C-alpha atoms as a PDB file:
ATOM      1  CA  UNK A   1     -29.964 120.838 -14.015  1.00  0.00           C
ATOM      2  CA  UNK A   2     -26.740 120.011 -12.269  1.00  0.00           C
ATOM      3  CA  UNK A   3     -24.518 121.574 -14.820  1.00  0.00           C
ATOM      4  CA  UNK A   4     -26.778 124.478 -15.391  1.00  0.00           C
ATOM      5  CA  UNK A   5     -26.440 124.942 -11.496  1.00  0.00           C
ATOM      6  CA  UNK A   6     -22.568 124.995 -11.912  1.00  0.00           C
ATOM      7  CA  UNK A   7     -22.396 127.644 -14.801  1.00  0.00           C
ATOM      8  CA  UNK A   8     -24.795 129.560 -12.850  1.00  0.00           C
ATOM      9  CA  UNK A   9     -22.873 129.289  -9.187  1.00  0.00           C
ATOM     10  CA  UNK A  10     -19.124 129.793 -11.188  1.00  0.00           C
ATOM     11  CA  UNK A  11     -19.541 131.078 -14.917  1.00  0.00           C
ATOM     12  CA  UNK A  12     -15.931 131.375 -14.930  1.00  0.00           C
ATOM     13  CA  UNK A  13     -15.476 127.499 -14.459  1.00  0.00           C
ATOM     14  CA  UNK A  14     -16.986 127.215 -17.864  1.00  0.00           C
ATOM     15  CA  UNK A  15     -13.986 126.200 -20.370  1.00  0.00           C
ATOM     16  CA  UNK A  16     -15.717 125.981 -23.231  1.00  0.00           C
ATOM     17  CA  UNK A  17     -17.033 122.481 -23.697  1.00  0.00           C
ATOM     18  CA  UNK A  18     -21.013 122.298 -24.298  1.00  0.00           C
ATOM     19  CA  UNK A  19     -22.591 119.661 -22.451  1.00  0.00           C
ATOM     20  CA  UNK A  20     -24.669 116.724 -24.403  1.00  0.00           C
ATOM     21  CA  UNK A  21     -26.475 113.894 -22.713  1.00  0.00           C
ATOM     22  CA  UNK A  22     -28.915 111.115 -23.831  1.00  0.00           C
ATOM     23  CA  UNK A  23     -32.179 110.656 -21.918  1.00  0.00           C
ATOM     24  CA  UNK A  24     -34.153 107.318 -22.129  1.00  0.00           C
ATOM     25  CA  UNK A  25     -37.885 108.734 -21.963  1.00  0.00           C
ATOM     26  CA  UNK A  26     -40.621 106.615 -20.784  1.00  0.00           C
ATOM     27  CA  UNK A  27     -42.352 106.578 -23.983  1.00  0.00           C
ATOM     28  CA  UNK A  28     -39.441 104.601 -25.512  1.00  0.00           C
ATOM     29  CA  UNK A  29     -38.052 108.030 -27.577  1.00  0.00           C
ATOM     30  CA  UNK A  30     -34.288 108.350 -27.118  1.00  0.00           C
ATOM     31  CA  UNK A  31     -33.597 112.637 -26.705  1.00  0.00           C
ATOM     32  CA  UNK A  32     -30.064 113.734 -27.331  1.00  0.00           C
ATOM     33  CA  UNK A  33     -29.929 117.132 -25.093  1.00  0.00           C
ATOM     34  CA  UNK A  34     -27.154 119.870 -25.884  1.00  0.00           C
ATOM     35  CA  UNK A  35     -26.589 122.773 -23.697  1.00  0.00           C
ATOM     36  CA  UNK A  36     -24.045 125.919 -23.912  1.00  0.00           C
ATOM     37  CA  UNK A  37     -23.988 128.543 -21.431  1.00  0.00           C
ATOM     38  CA  UNK A  38     -24.744 132.141 -22.634  1.00  0.00           C
ATOM     39  CA  UNK A  39     -22.273 134.034 -20.558  1.00  0.00           C
ATOM     40  CA  UNK A  40     -21.372 138.022 -20.840  1.00  0.00           C
ATOM     41  CA  UNK A  41     -18.519 139.832 -18.868  1.00  0.00           C
ATOM     42  CA  UNK A  42     -18.743 136.773 -16.208  1.00  0.00           C
ATOM     43  CA  UNK A  43     -22.485 136.960 -16.150  1.00  0.00           C
ATOM     44  CA  UNK A  44     -24.756 133.971 -16.364  1.00  0.00           C
ATOM     45  CA  UNK A  45     -27.630 134.894 -18.616  1.00  0.00           C
ATOM     46  CA  UNK A  46     -28.759 131.499 -19.334  1.00  0.00           C
ATOM     47  CA  UNK A  47     -28.601 128.671 -21.822  1.00  0.00           C
ATOM     48  CA  UNK A  48     -28.975 127.609 -24.874  1.00  0.00           C
ATOM     49  CA  UNK A  49     -30.451 123.875 -24.948  1.00  0.00           C
ATOM     50  CA  UNK A  50     -30.989 121.860 -28.278  1.00  0.00           C
ATOM     51  CA  UNK A  51     -33.132 118.500 -27.911  1.00  0.00           C
ATOM     52  CA  UNK A  52     -33.081 116.255 -30.674  1.00  0.00           C
ATOM     53  CA  UNK A  53     -35.232 113.239 -31.256  1.00  0.00           C
ATOM     54  CA  UNK A  54     -32.678 110.506 -32.261  1.00  0.00           C
ATOM     55  CA  UNK A  55     -34.681 107.085 -31.452  1.00  0.00           C
ATOM     56  CA  UNK A  56     -34.181 106.191 -35.426  1.00  0.00           C
ATOM     57  CA  UNK A  57     -30.548 106.865 -35.248  1.00  0.00           C
ATOM     58  CA  UNK A  58     -30.051 104.390 -32.430  1.00  0.00           C
ATOM     59  CA  UNK A  59     -32.233 102.173 -33.508  1.00  0.00           C
ATOM     60  CA  UNK A  60     -30.830 102.175 -37.073  1.00  0.00           C
ATOM     61  CA  UNK A  61     -27.147 101.421 -35.287  1.00  0.00           C
ATOM     62  CA  UNK A  62     -28.872  98.591 -33.494  1.00  0.00           C
ATOM     63  CA  UNK A  63     -30.169  97.374 -36.808  1.00  0.00           C
ATOM     64  CA  UNK A  64     -26.652  97.532 -38.212  1.00  0.00           C
ATOM     65  CA  UNK A  65     -25.279  95.721 -35.347  1.00  0.00           C
ATOM     66  CA  UNK A  66     -27.969  93.023 -35.674  1.00  0.00           C
ATOM     67  CA  UNK A  67     -27.608  92.737 -39.604  1.00  0.00           C
ATOM     68  CA  UNK A  68     -23.481  92.080 -38.658  1.00  0.00           C
ATOM     69  CA  UNK A  69     -23.980  89.118 -36.412  1.00  0.00           C
ATOM     70  CA  UNK A  70     -26.737  87.713 -38.758  1.00  0.00           C
ATOM     71  CA  UNK A  71     -24.042  88.148 -41.848  1.00  0.00           C
ATOM     72  CA  UNK A  72     -21.338  86.492 -39.793  1.00  0.00           C
ATOM     73  CA  UNK A  73     -23.436  83.575 -38.839  1.00  0.00           C
ATOM     74  CA  UNK A  74     -24.531  83.183 -42.411  1.00  0.00           C
ATOM     75  CA  UNK A  75     -21.133  83.345 -43.971  1.00  0.00           C
ATOM     76  CA  UNK A  76     -19.931  80.995 -41.029  1.00  0.00           C
ATOM     77  CA  UNK A  77     -21.816  77.987 -41.964  1.00  0.00           C
ATOM     78  CA  UNK A  78     -20.548  77.385 -45.545  1.00  0.00           C
ATOM     79  CA  UNK A  79     -16.969  78.225 -44.485  1.00  0.00           C
ATOM     80  CA  UNK A  80     -16.525  75.798 -41.917  1.00  0.00           C
ATOM     81  CA  UNK A  81     -18.175  73.378 -44.002  1.00  0.00           C
ATOM     82  CA  UNK A  82     -15.213  74.233 -46.668  1.00  0.00           C
ATOM     83  CA  UNK A  83     -12.679  74.512 -44.203  1.00  0.00           C
ATOM     84  CA  UNK A  84     -13.712  70.924 -43.126  1.00  0.00           C
ATOM     85  CA  UNK A  85     -13.571  69.185 -46.284  1.00  0.00           C
ATOM     86  CA  UNK A  86     -10.214  70.581 -47.088  1.00  0.00           C
ATOM     87  CA  UNK A  87      -8.812  69.614 -43.690  1.00  0.00           C
ATOM     88  CA  UNK A  88     -10.545  65.884 -44.605  1.00  0.00           C
ATOM     89  CA  UNK A  89      -8.737  66.322 -48.093  1.00  0.00           C
ATOM     90  CA  UNK A  90      -5.004  67.381 -46.653  1.00  0.00           C
ATOM     91  CA  UNK A  91      -5.654  64.630 -43.969  1.00  0.00           C
ATOM     92  CA  UNK A  92      -2.688  61.743 -45.146  1.00  0.00           C
ATOM     93  CA  UNK A  93      -4.540  58.873 -42.948  1.00  0.00           C
ATOM     94  CA  UNK A  94      -7.943  58.895 -44.745  1.00  0.00           C
ATOM     95  CA  UNK A  95      -7.540  57.220 -47.946  1.00  0.00           C
ATOM     96  CA  UNK A  96     -10.537  58.486 -50.239  1.00  0.00           C
ATOM     97  CA  UNK A  97     -11.964  56.693 -53.014  1.00  0.00           C
ATOM     98  CA  UNK A  98     -12.843  58.408 -56.571  1.00  0.00           C
ATOM     99  CA  UNK A  99     -16.223  59.221 -55.800  1.00  0.00           C
ATOM    100  CA  UNK A 100     -15.936  60.285 -52.236  1.00  0.00           C
ATOM    101  CA  UNK A 101     -13.330  62.634 -53.580  1.00  0.00           C
ATOM    102  CA  UNK A 102     -15.254  64.034 -56.256  1.00  0.00           C
ATOM    103  CA  UNK A 103     -18.255  64.453 -53.591  1.00  0.00           C
ATOM    104  CA  UNK A 104     -15.975  66.420 -51.383  1.00  0.00           C
ATOM    105  CA  UNK A 105     -15.131  68.322 -54.353  1.00  0.00           C
ATOM    106  CA  UNK A 106     -18.597  68.995 -55.168  1.00  0.00           C
ATOM    107  CA  UNK A 107     -19.755  69.860 -51.490  1.00  0.00           C
ATOM    108  CA  UNK A 108     -16.594  72.577 -51.538  1.00  0.00           C
ATOM    109  CA  UNK A 109     -17.669  73.968 -54.673  1.00  0.00           C
ATOM    110  CA  UNK A 110     -21.462  74.507 -53.825  1.00  0.00           C
ATOM    111  CA  UNK A 111     -20.426  76.341 -50.509  1.00  0.00           C
ATOM    112  CA  UNK A 112     -18.275  78.211 -52.381  1.00  0.00           C
ATOM    113  CA  UNK A 113     -21.332  79.329 -54.301  1.00  0.00           C
ATOM    114  CA  UNK A 114     -23.323  79.859 -51.234  1.00  0.00           C
ATOM    115  CA  UNK A 115     -20.582  82.044 -50.324  1.00  0.00           C
ATOM    116  CA  UNK A 116     -20.851  83.788 -53.294  1.00  0.00           C
ATOM    117  CA  UNK A 117     -24.374  84.225 -53.366  1.00  0.00           C
ATOM    118  CA  UNK A 118     -24.457  85.763 -49.739  1.00  0.00           C
ATOM    119  CA  UNK A 119     -21.481  88.144 -50.771  1.00  0.00           C
ATOM    120  CA  UNK A 120     -23.719  89.454 -53.898  1.00  0.00           C
ATOM    121  CA  UNK A 121     -26.530  89.741 -51.398  1.00  0.00           C
ATOM    122  CA  UNK A 122     -24.807  92.273 -49.304  1.00  0.00           C
ATOM    123  CA  UNK A 123     -23.633  94.133 -51.834  1.00  0.00           C
ATOM    124  CA  UNK A 124     -26.581  94.401 -52.865  1.00  0.00           C
ATOM    125  CA  UNK A 125     -28.328  95.348 -49.978  1.00  0.00           C
ATOM    126  CA  UNK A 126     -25.794  97.812 -49.265  1.00  0.00           C
ATOM    127  CA  UNK A 127     -27.112 100.147 -52.602  1.00  0.00           C
ATOM    128  CA  UNK A 128     -30.660  99.868 -52.173  1.00  0.00           C
ATOM    129  CA  UNK A 129     -30.806 103.535 -51.794  1.00  0.00           C
ATOM    130  CA  UNK A 130     -29.720 104.084 -55.292  1.00  0.00           C
ATOM    131  CA  UNK A 131     -32.790 105.008 -57.536  1.00  0.00           C
ATOM    132  CA  UNK A 132     -31.608 103.069 -60.512  1.00  0.00           C
ATOM    133  CA  UNK A 133     -31.399  99.514 -58.296  1.00  0.00           C
ATOM    134  CA  UNK A 134     -33.667  97.440 -59.823  1.00  0.00           C
ATOM    135  CA  UNK A 135     -34.064  93.634 -58.144  1.00  0.00           C
ATOM    136  CA  UNK A 136     -33.523  90.900 -61.183  1.00  0.00           C
ATOM    137  CA  UNK A 137     -36.676  88.643 -60.268  1.00  0.00           C
ATOM    138  CA  UNK A 138     -36.517  85.124 -62.639  1.00  0.00           C
ATOM    139  CA  UNK A 139     -37.997  81.516 -62.169  1.00  0.00           C
ATOM    140  CA  UNK A 140     -36.208  79.880 -59.275  1.00  0.00           C
ATOM    141  CA  UNK A 141     -36.585  76.090 -58.328  1.00  0.00           C
ATOM    142  CA  UNK A 142     -37.637  76.184 -54.990  1.00  0.00           C
ATOM    143  CA  UNK A 143     -37.307  72.449 -54.684  1.00  0.00           C
ATOM    144  CA  UNK A 144     -33.813  72.537 -56.312  1.00  0.00           C
ATOM    145  CA  UNK A 145     -32.832  75.002 -53.744  1.00  0.00           C
ATOM    146  CA  UNK A 146     -33.839  73.307 -50.853  1.00  0.00           C
ATOM    147  CA  UNK A 147     -32.237  69.982 -51.775  1.00  0.00           C
ATOM    148  CA  UNK A 148     -28.946  71.788 -52.472  1.00  0.00           C
ATOM    149  CA  UNK A 149     -28.730  73.764 -48.887  1.00  0.00           C
ATOM    150  CA  UNK A 150     -29.505  70.132 -47.462  1.00  0.00           C
ATOM    151  CA  UNK A 151     -26.622  68.825 -49.343  1.00  0.00           C
ATOM    152  CA  UNK A 152     -24.367  71.906 -48.140  1.00  0.00           C
ATOM    153  CA  UNK A 153     -25.224  71.216 -44.120  1.00  0.00           C
ATOM    154  CA  UNK A 154     -24.522  67.560 -44.960  1.00  0.00           C
ATOM    155  CA  UNK A 155     -21.490  67.879 -42.069  1.00  0.00           C
ATOM    156  CA  UNK A 156     -23.563  69.414 -39.586  1.00  0.00           C
ATOM    157  CA  UNK A 157     -26.128  66.995 -40.207  1.00  0.00           C
ATOM    158  CA  UNK A 158     -24.149  63.982 -39.856  1.00  0.00           C
ATOM    159  CA  UNK A 159     -22.314  66.005 -37.114  1.00  0.00           C
ATOM    160  CA  UNK A 160     -25.339  65.769 -34.987  1.00  0.00           C
ATOM    161  CA  UNK A 161     -27.104  62.649 -36.371  1.00  0.00           C
ATOM    162  CA  UNK A 162     -29.518  64.942 -37.556  1.00  0.00           C
ATOM    163  CA  UNK A 163     -31.801  63.640 -40.614  1.00  0.00           C
ATOM    164  CA  UNK A 164     -33.815  65.728 -42.985  1.00  0.00           C
ATOM    165  CA  UNK A 165     -37.020  64.217 -44.590  1.00  0.00           C
ATOM    166  CA  UNK A 166     -37.777  66.087 -47.502  1.00  0.00           C
ATOM    167  CA  UNK A 167     -41.288  65.569 -49.058  1.00  0.00           C
ATOM    168  CA  UNK A 168     -40.580  65.958 -52.561  1.00  0.00           C
ATOM    169  CA  UNK A 169     -44.026  66.093 -53.755  1.00  0.00           C
ATOM    170  CA  UNK A 170     -45.023  68.995 -51.740  1.00  0.00           C
ATOM    171  CA  UNK A 171     -42.665  70.824 -53.486  1.00  0.00           C
ATOM    172  CA  UNK A 172     -43.665  69.545 -57.302  1.00  0.00           C
ATOM    173  CA  UNK A 173     -43.566  72.207 -59.484  1.00  0.00           C
ATOM    174  CA  UNK A 174     -42.600  74.882 -56.989  1.00  0.00           C
ATOM    175  CA  UNK A 175     -40.975  76.774 -59.249  1.00  0.00           C
ATOM    176  CA  UNK A 176     -41.316  80.851 -58.096  1.00  0.00           C
ATOM    177  CA  UNK A 177     -40.447  84.250 -59.197  1.00  0.00           C
ATOM    178  CA  UNK A 178     -37.500  85.701 -57.042  1.00  0.00           C
ATOM    179  CA  UNK A 179     -34.283  86.311 -56.750  1.00  0.00           C
ATOM    180  CA  UNK A 180     -32.416  83.201 -56.724  1.00  0.00           C
ATOM    181  CA  UNK A 181     -29.463  84.167 -54.298  1.00  0.00           C
ATOM    182  CA  UNK A 182     -31.630  85.542 -51.668  1.00  0.00           C
ATOM    183  CA  UNK A 183     -34.171  82.967 -51.641  1.00  0.00           C
ATOM    184  CA  UNK A 184     -31.316  80.527 -51.290  1.00  0.00           C
ATOM    185  CA  UNK A 185     -29.917  82.490 -48.406  1.00  0.00           C
ATOM    186  CA  UNK A 186     -33.380  82.216 -46.508  1.00  0.00           C
ATOM    187  CA  UNK A 187     -33.547  78.663 -47.154  1.00  0.00           C
ATOM    188  CA  UNK A 188     -30.234  77.756 -45.555  1.00  0.00           C
ATOM    189  CA  UNK A 189     -30.926  80.117 -42.779  1.00  0.00           C
ATOM    190  CA  UNK A 190     -33.928  78.329 -41.846  1.00  0.00           C
ATOM    191  CA  UNK A 191     -32.337  75.037 -41.947  1.00  0.00           C
ATOM    192  CA  UNK A 192     -28.818  75.950 -40.391  1.00  0.00           C
ATOM    193  CA  UNK A 193     -31.213  77.572 -37.605  1.00  0.00           C
ATOM    194  CA  UNK A 194     -33.242  73.934 -37.303  1.00  0.00           C
ATOM    195  CA  UNK A 195     -29.796  72.148 -37.149  1.00  0.00           C
ATOM    196  CA  UNK A 196     -28.412  74.365 -34.683  1.00  0.00           C
ATOM    197  CA  UNK A 197     -31.262  75.034 -31.962  1.00  0.00           C
END
């Protein structure tokens, strides 16, 4: 309203720029308002006002920010483990047995696989809008995925002196139909959050 008054009181002050303002309504909707004056020979005739509901766009931006934060967290978990074990291998003062060495290499390989699954999941999410996108659902062994992710989190568990007791009988015959990478991502997320919090 103040902008309209300024244009009305002094049309010559208009510098060619339109006015835009975001307005948050009480009902939770978000409106973007664009104003442009209608001036004829230094006479202010009125304004053209465009009101556009941008609630959806704002929500999408918020979800994108949350997605980036979540992905950063998910990538950091296996990456931290990989870096930790590589640093351990590079430490000359620590003498490892062949068994310990093989175990560390195994952890690095598994975490590398988790990173690859995460990246593939991110790439598949980016193409969800494609009409020819077909989800590849196969038989997934839930027990194997849970055990793999518990093993991946071994360094974090040791660091916090936390142990996970897995009731394997509860997950016997736990073959499900799904995407193994996405299921593994969910399990890793649940476990890593449990360890963290």
